[in-house]
Amino acid sequence: MWTVIYIASGEKTAESIKQKLTEEGFLVKLRQTNIAKQQYEVLVPESELDEVQEVLKDILHSSHL
């Protein structure tokens, strides 16, 4: 089961988050949710949720997306 971990405002931001999480060894999917607002859901397997949350927090606080 895939779980939404983050909603990104823009494809560039979503792709950047996906790339960084993938580099950390996580499976990641993107799903566009609002075409008009360019919003994308970043999804990860539910079994990796806790680990991904910690890594994502570091990514969001340490870089400019």
PDB file of N, CA and C in Angstrom:
ATOM      1  N   MET A   1       0.849  -1.184   0.000  1.00  0.00           N
ATOM      2  CA  MET A   1       0.000   0.000   0.000  1.00  0.00           C
ATOM      3  C   MET A   1       0.894   1.247   0.000  1.00  0.00           C
ATOM      4  N   TRP A   2       0.584   2.162  -0.882  1.00  0.00           N
ATOM      5  CA  TRP A   2       1.340   3.415  -0.989  1.00  0.00           C
ATOM      6  C   TRP A   2       0.669   4.494  -0.148  1.00  0.00           C
ATOM      7  N   THR A   3       1.484   5.322   0.490  1.00  0.00           N
ATOM      8  CA  THR A   3       1.005   6.374   1.384  1.00  0.00           C
ATOM      9  C   THR A   3       1.594   7.718   0.976  1.00  0.00           C
ATOM     10  N   VAL A   4       0.756   8.757   1.031  1.00  0.00           N
ATOM     11  CA  VAL A   4       1.224  10.111   0.721  1.00  0.00           C
ATOM     12  C   VAL A   4       2.084  10.600   1.881  1.00  0.00           C
ATOM     13  N   ILE A   5       3.296  11.029   1.549  1.00  0.00           N
ATOM     14  CA  ILE A   5       4.221  11.542   2.565  1.00  0.00           C
ATOM     15  C   ILE A   5       4.356  13.058   2.483  1.00  0.00           C
ATOM     16  N   TYR A   6       4.035  13.614   1.306  1.00  0.00           N
ATOM     17  CA  TYR A   6       4.225  15.051   1.095  1.00  0.00           C
ATOM     18  C   TYR A   6       3.416  15.478  -0.120  1.00  0.00           C
ATOM     19  N   ILE A   7       2.911  16.703  -0.105  1.00  0.00           N
ATOM     20  CA  ILE A   7       2.256  17.289  -1.277  1.00  0.00           C
ATOM     21  C   ILE A   7       3.110  18.469  -1.713  1.00  0.00           C
ATOM     22  N   ALA A   8       3.676  18.335  -2.896  1.00  0.00           N
ATOM     23  CA  ALA A   8       4.589  19.349  -3.427  1.00  0.00           C
ATOM     24  C   ALA A   8       3.843  20.310  -4.331  1.00  0.00           C
ATOM     25  N   SER A   9       4.240  21.568  -4.271  1.00  0.00           N
ATOM     26  CA  SER A   9       3.633  22.577  -5.142  1.00  0.00           C
ATOM     27  C   SER A   9       4.539  22.774  -6.351  1.00  0.00           C
ATOM     28  N   GLY A  10       4.362  21.925  -7.312  1.00  0.00           N
ATOM     29  CA  GLY A  10       5.132  22.018  -8.545  1.00  0.00           C
ATOM     30  C   GLY A  10       5.875  20.736  -8.859  1.00  0.00           C
ATOM     31  N   GLU A  11       5.977  20.464 -10.151  1.00  0.00           N
ATOM     32  CA  GLU A  11       6.628  19.235 -10.599  1.00  0.00           C
ATOM     33  C   GLU A  11       8.117  19.221 -10.249  1.00  0.00           C
ATOM     34  N   LYS A  12       8.768  20.369 -10.367  1.00  0.00           N
ATOM     35  CA  LYS A  12      10.206  20.447 -10.084  1.00  0.00           C
ATOM     36  C   LYS A  12      10.493  20.061  -8.632  1.00  0.00           C
ATOM     37  N   THR A  13       9.707  20.573  -7.715  1.00  0.00           N
ATOM     38  CA  THR A  13       9.881  20.249  -6.298  1.00  0.00           C
ATOM     39  C   THR A  13       9.619  18.770  -6.048  1.00  0.00           C
ATOM     40  N   ALA A  14       8.546  18.259  -6.632  1.00  0.00           N
ATOM     41  CA  ALA A  14       8.206  16.844  -6.459  1.00  0.00           C
ATOM     42  C   ALA A  14       9.315  15.945  -6.989  1.00  0.00           C
ATOM     43  N   GLU A  15       9.828  16.260  -8.165  1.00  0.00           N
ATOM     44  CA  GLU A  15      10.903  15.457  -8.764  1.00  0.00           C
ATOM     45  C   GLU A  15      12.175  15.525  -7.925  1.00  0.00           C
ATOM     46  N   SER A  16      12.463  16.683  -7.365  1.00  0.00           N
ATOM     47  CA  SER A  16      13.646  16.842  -6.518  1.00  0.00           C
ATOM     48  C   SER A  16      13.538  15.979  -5.263  1.00  0.00           C
ATOM     49  N   ILE A  17      12.383  15.995  -4.630  1.00  0.00           N
ATOM     50  CA  ILE A  17      12.160  15.174  -3.438  1.00  0.00           C
ATOM     51  C   ILE A  17      12.254  13.698  -3.804  1.00  0.00           C
ATOM     52  N   LYS A  18      11.634  13.323  -4.910  1.00  0.00           N
ATOM     53  CA  LYS A  18      11.684  11.927  -5.356  1.00  0.00           C
ATOM     54  C   LYS A  18      13.127  11.485  -5.576  1.00  0.00           C
ATOM     55  N   GLN A  19      13.903  12.305  -6.243  1.00  0.00           N
ATOM     56  CA  GLN A  19      15.296  11.963  -6.534  1.00  0.00           C
ATOM     57  C   GLN A  19      16.095  11.769  -5.244  1.00  0.00           C
ATOM     58  N   LYS A  20      15.927  12.688  -4.302  1.00  0.00           N
ATOM     59  CA  LYS A  20      16.693  12.607  -3.054  1.00  0.00           C
ATOM     60  C   LYS A  20      16.295  11.387  -2.225  1.00  0.00           C
ATOM     61  N   LEU A  21      15.008  11.079  -2.185  1.00  0.00           N
ATOM     62  CA  LEU A  21      14.562   9.896  -1.445  1.00  0.00           C
ATOM     63  C   LEU A  21      15.015   8.614  -2.137  1.00  0.00           C
ATOM     64  N   THR A  22      14.984   8.610  -3.462  1.00  0.00           N
ATOM     65  CA  THR A  22      15.443   7.448  -4.222  1.00  0.00           C
ATOM     66  C   THR A  22      16.932   7.215  -3.981  1.00  0.00           C
ATOM     67  N   GLU A  23      17.699   8.293  -3.937  1.00  0.00           N
ATOM     68  CA  GLU A  23      19.138   8.182  -3.655  1.00  0.00           C
ATOM     69  C   GLU A  23      19.396   7.591  -2.271  1.00  0.00           C
ATOM     70  N   GLU A  24      18.447   7.790  -1.363  1.00  0.00           N
ATOM     71  CA  GLU A  24      18.567   7.226  -0.010  1.00  0.00           C
ATOM     72  C   GLU A  24      18.095   5.770   0.033  1.00  0.00           C
ATOM     73  N   GLY A  25      17.611   5.256  -1.104  1.00  0.00           N
ATOM     74  CA  GLY A  25      17.228   3.851  -1.190  1.00  0.00           C
ATOM     75  C   GLY A  25      15.748   3.559  -1.039  1.00  0.00           C
ATOM     76  N   PHE A  26      14.909   4.587  -1.075  1.00  0.00           N
ATOM     77  CA  PHE A  26      13.474   4.384  -0.915  1.00  0.00           C
ATOM     78  C   PHE A  26      12.769   4.272  -2.267  1.00  0.00           C
ATOM     79  N   LEU A  27      11.671   3.533  -2.279  1.00  0.00           N
ATOM     80  CA  LEU A  27      10.790   3.497  -3.443  1.00  0.00           C
ATOM     81  C   LEU A  27       9.879   4.712  -3.355  1.00  0.00           C
ATOM     82  N   VAL A  28       9.728   5.428  -4.458  1.00  0.00           N
ATOM     83  CA  VAL A  28       8.938   6.665  -4.451  1.00  0.00           C
ATOM     84  C   VAL A  28       8.141   6.759  -5.743  1.00  0.00           C
ATOM     85  N   LYS A  29       6.892   7.198  -5.624  1.00  0.00           N
ATOM     86  CA  LYS A  29       6.054   7.480  -6.789  1.00  0.00           C
ATOM     87  C   LYS A  29       5.508   8.891  -6.654  1.00  0.00           C
ATOM     88  N   LEU A  30       5.234   9.509  -7.791  1.00  0.00           N
ATOM     89  CA  LEU A  30       4.589  10.823  -7.818  1.00  0.00           C
ATOM     90  C   LEU A  30       3.234  10.688  -8.482  1.00  0.00           C
ATOM     91  N   ARG A  31       2.282  11.486  -8.000  1.00  0.00           N
ATOM     92  CA  ARG A  31       0.947  11.492  -8.599  1.00  0.00           C
ATOM     93  C   ARG A  31       0.440  12.934  -8.608  1.00  0.00           C
ATOM     94  N   GLN A  32       0.120  13.422  -9.799  1.00  0.00           N
ATOM     95  CA  GLN A  32      -0.406  14.782  -9.897  1.00  0.00           C
ATOM     96  C   GLN A  32      -1.838  14.784  -9.382  1.00  0.00           C
ATOM     97  N   THR A  33      -2.132  15.724  -8.479  1.00  0.00           N
ATOM     98  CA  THR A  33      -3.456  15.749  -7.865  1.00  0.00           C
ATOM     99  C   THR A  33      -4.283  16.958  -8.261  1.00  0.00           C
ATOM    100  N   ASN A  34      -3.625  18.035  -8.622  1.00  0.00           N
ATOM    101  CA  ASN A  34      -4.361  19.237  -9.001  1.00  0.00           C
ATOM    102  C   ASN A  34      -3.629  19.894 -10.160  1.00  0.00           C
ATOM    103  N   ILE A  35      -4.149  19.690 -11.351  1.00  0.00           N
ATOM    104  CA  ILE A  35      -3.484  20.202 -12.549  1.00  0.00           C
ATOM    105  C   ILE A  35      -3.395  21.721 -12.520  1.00  0.00           C
ATOM    106  N   ALA A  36      -4.455  22.384 -12.136  1.00  0.00           N
ATOM    107  CA  ALA A  36      -4.478  23.849 -12.137  1.00  0.00           C
ATOM    108  C   ALA A  36      -3.451  24.434 -11.167  1.00  0.00           C
ATOM    109  N   LYS A  37      -3.300  23.812 -10.015  1.00  0.00           N
ATOM    110  CA  LYS A  37      -2.370  24.322  -9.000  1.00  0.00           C
ATOM    111  C   LYS A  37      -1.006  23.636  -9.051  1.00  0.00           C
ATOM    112  N   GLN A  38      -0.827  22.702 -10.000  1.00  0.00           N
ATOM    113  CA  GLN A  38       0.446  21.982 -10.131  1.00  0.00           C
ATOM    114  C   GLN A  38       0.858  21.317  -8.818  1.00  0.00           C
ATOM    115  N   GLN A  39      -0.071  20.602  -8.198  1.00  0.00           N
ATOM    116  CA  GLN A  39       0.238  19.901  -6.956  1.00  0.00           C
ATOM    117  C   GLN A  39       0.501  18.427  -7.243  1.00  0.00           C
ATOM    118  N   TYR A  40       1.519  17.905  -6.577  1.00  0.00           N
ATOM    119  CA  TYR A  40       1.910  16.508  -6.748  1.00  0.00           C
ATOM    120  C   TYR A  40       2.015  15.836  -5.392  1.00  0.00           C
ATOM    121  N   GLU A  41       1.457  14.639  -5.286  1.00  0.00           N
ATOM    122  CA  GLU A  41       1.629  13.830  -4.088  1.00  0.00           C
ATOM    123  C   GLU A  41       2.909  13.014  -4.237  1.00  0.00           C
ATOM    124  N   VAL A  42       3.681  12.970  -3.178  1.00  0.00           N
ATOM    125  CA  VAL A  42       4.865  12.112  -3.119  1.00  0.00           C
ATOM    126  C   VAL A  42       4.447  10.910  -2.278  1.00  0.00           C
ATOM    127  N   LEU A  43       4.505   9.723  -2.886  1.00  0.00           N
ATOM    128  CA  LEU A  43       4.036   8.513  -2.223  1.00  0.00           C
ATOM    129  C   LEU A  43       5.176   7.538  -1.977  1.00  0.00           C
ATOM    130  N   VAL A  44       5.100   6.841  -0.833  1.00  0.00           N
ATOM    131  CA  VAL A  44       6.079   5.814  -0.484  1.00  0.00           C
ATOM    132  C   VAL A  44       5.317   4.597   0.056  1.00  0.00           C
ATOM    133  N   PRO A  45       5.959   3.426   0.034  1.00  0.00           N
ATOM    134  CA  PRO A  45       5.306   2.256   0.629  1.00  0.00           C
ATOM    135  C   PRO A  45       5.054   2.479   2.120  1.00  0.00           C
ATOM    136  N   GLU A  46       3.892   2.042   2.566  1.00  0.00           N
ATOM    137  CA  GLU A  46       3.509   2.226   3.966  1.00  0.00           C
ATOM    138  C   GLU A  46       4.550   1.636   4.918  1.00  0.00           C
ATOM    139  N   SER A  47       5.179   0.543   4.506  1.00  0.00           N
ATOM    140  CA  SER A  47       6.166  -0.122   5.366  1.00  0.00           C
ATOM    141  C   SER A  47       7.423   0.717   5.590  1.00  0.00           C
ATOM    142  N   GLU A  48       7.665   1.707   4.736  1.00  0.00           N
ATOM    143  CA  GLU A  48       8.850   2.561   4.859  1.00  0.00           C
ATOM    144  C   GLU A  48       8.521   3.936   5.441  1.00  0.00           C
ATOM    145  N   LEU A  49       7.283   4.144   5.837  1.00  0.00           N
ATOM    146  CA  LEU A  49       6.797   5.462   6.230  1.00  0.00           C
ATOM    147  C   LEU A  49       7.635   6.123   7.325  1.00  0.00           C
ATOM    148  N   ASP A  50       7.895   5.419   8.414  1.00  0.00           N
ATOM    149  CA  ASP A  50       8.633   6.022   9.533  1.00  0.00           C
ATOM    150  C   ASP A  50      10.033   6.454   9.123  1.00  0.00           C
ATOM    151  N   GLU A  51      10.727   5.586   8.391  1.00  0.00           N
ATOM    152  CA  GLU A  51      12.085   5.912   7.951  1.00  0.00           C
ATOM    153  C   GLU A  51      12.082   7.099   6.995  1.00  0.00           C
ATOM    154  N   VAL A  52      11.139   7.098   6.065  1.00  0.00           N
ATOM    155  CA  VAL A  52      11.074   8.162   5.067  1.00  0.00           C
ATOM    156  C   VAL A  52      10.758   9.499   5.724  1.00  0.00           C
ATOM    157  N   GLN A  53       9.901   9.512   6.718  1.00  0.00           N
ATOM    158  CA  GLN A  53       9.551  10.770   7.391  1.00  0.00           C
ATOM    159  C   GLN A  53      10.784  11.448   7.967  1.00  0.00           C
ATOM    160  N   GLU A  54      11.673  10.674   8.578  1.00  0.00           N
ATOM    161  CA  GLU A  54      12.894  11.245   9.152  1.00  0.00           C
ATOM    162  C   GLU A  54      13.800  11.817   8.066  1.00  0.00           C
ATOM    163  N   VAL A  55      13.981  11.059   6.988  1.00  0.00           N
ATOM    164  CA  VAL A  55      14.842  11.509   5.894  1.00  0.00           C
ATOM    165  C   VAL A  55      14.231  12.726   5.211  1.00  0.00           C
ATOM    166  N   LEU A  56      12.922  12.706   4.987  1.00  0.00           N
ATOM    167  CA  LEU A  56      12.248  13.827   4.336  1.00  0.00           C
ATOM    168  C   LEU A  56      12.377  15.096   5.174  1.00  0.00           C
ATOM    169  N   LYS A  57      12.248  14.965   6.473  1.00  0.00           N
ATOM    170  CA  LYS A  57      12.397  16.125   7.356  1.00  0.00           C
ATOM    171  C   LYS A  57      13.779  16.750   7.172  1.00  0.00           C
ATOM    172  N   ASP A  58      14.804  15.913   7.109  1.00  0.00           N
ATOM    173  CA  ASP A  58      16.165  16.415   6.887  1.00  0.00           C
ATOM    174  C   ASP A  58      16.292  17.083   5.526  1.00  0.00           C
ATOM    175  N   ILE A  59      15.705  16.474   4.508  1.00  0.00           N
ATOM    176  CA  ILE A  59      15.765  17.035   3.151  1.00  0.00           C
ATOM    177  C   ILE A  59      15.104  18.413   3.114  1.00  0.00           C
ATOM    178  N   LEU A  60      13.931  18.519   3.701  1.00  0.00           N
ATOM    179  CA  LEU A  60      13.178  19.776   3.658  1.00  0.00           C
ATOM    180  C   LEU A  60      13.858  20.883   4.459  1.00  0.00           C
ATOM    181  N   HIS A  61      14.542  20.528   5.534  1.00  0.00           N
ATOM    182  CA  HIS A  61      15.183  21.539   6.372  1.00  0.00           C
ATOM    183  C   HIS A  61      16.593  21.903   5.923  1.00  0.00           C
ATOM    184  N   SER A  62      17.204  21.052   5.100  1.00  0.00           N
ATOM    185  CA  SER A  62      18.596  21.301   4.740  1.00  0.00           C
ATOM    186  C   SER A  62      18.803  21.777   3.311  1.00  0.00           C
ATOM    187  N   SER A  63      17.742  21.813   2.516  1.00  0.00           N
ATOM    188  CA  SER A  63      17.946  22.215   1.120  1.00  0.00           C
ATOM    189  C   SER A  63      16.836  23.136   0.650  1.00  0.00           C
ATOM    190  N   HIS A  64      17.144  23.808  -0.420  1.00  0.00           N
ATOM    191  CA  HIS A  64      16.158  24.673  -1.058  1.00  0.00           C
ATOM    192  C   HIS A  64      15.610  23.930  -2.257  1.00  0.00           C
ATOM    193  N   LEU A  65      14.345  23.568  -2.201  1.00  0.00           N
ATOM    194  CA  LEU A  65      13.740  22.795  -3.289  1.00  0.00           C
ATOM    195  C   LEU A  65      13.165  23.675  -4.347  1.00  0.00           C
TER     196      LEU A  65
END
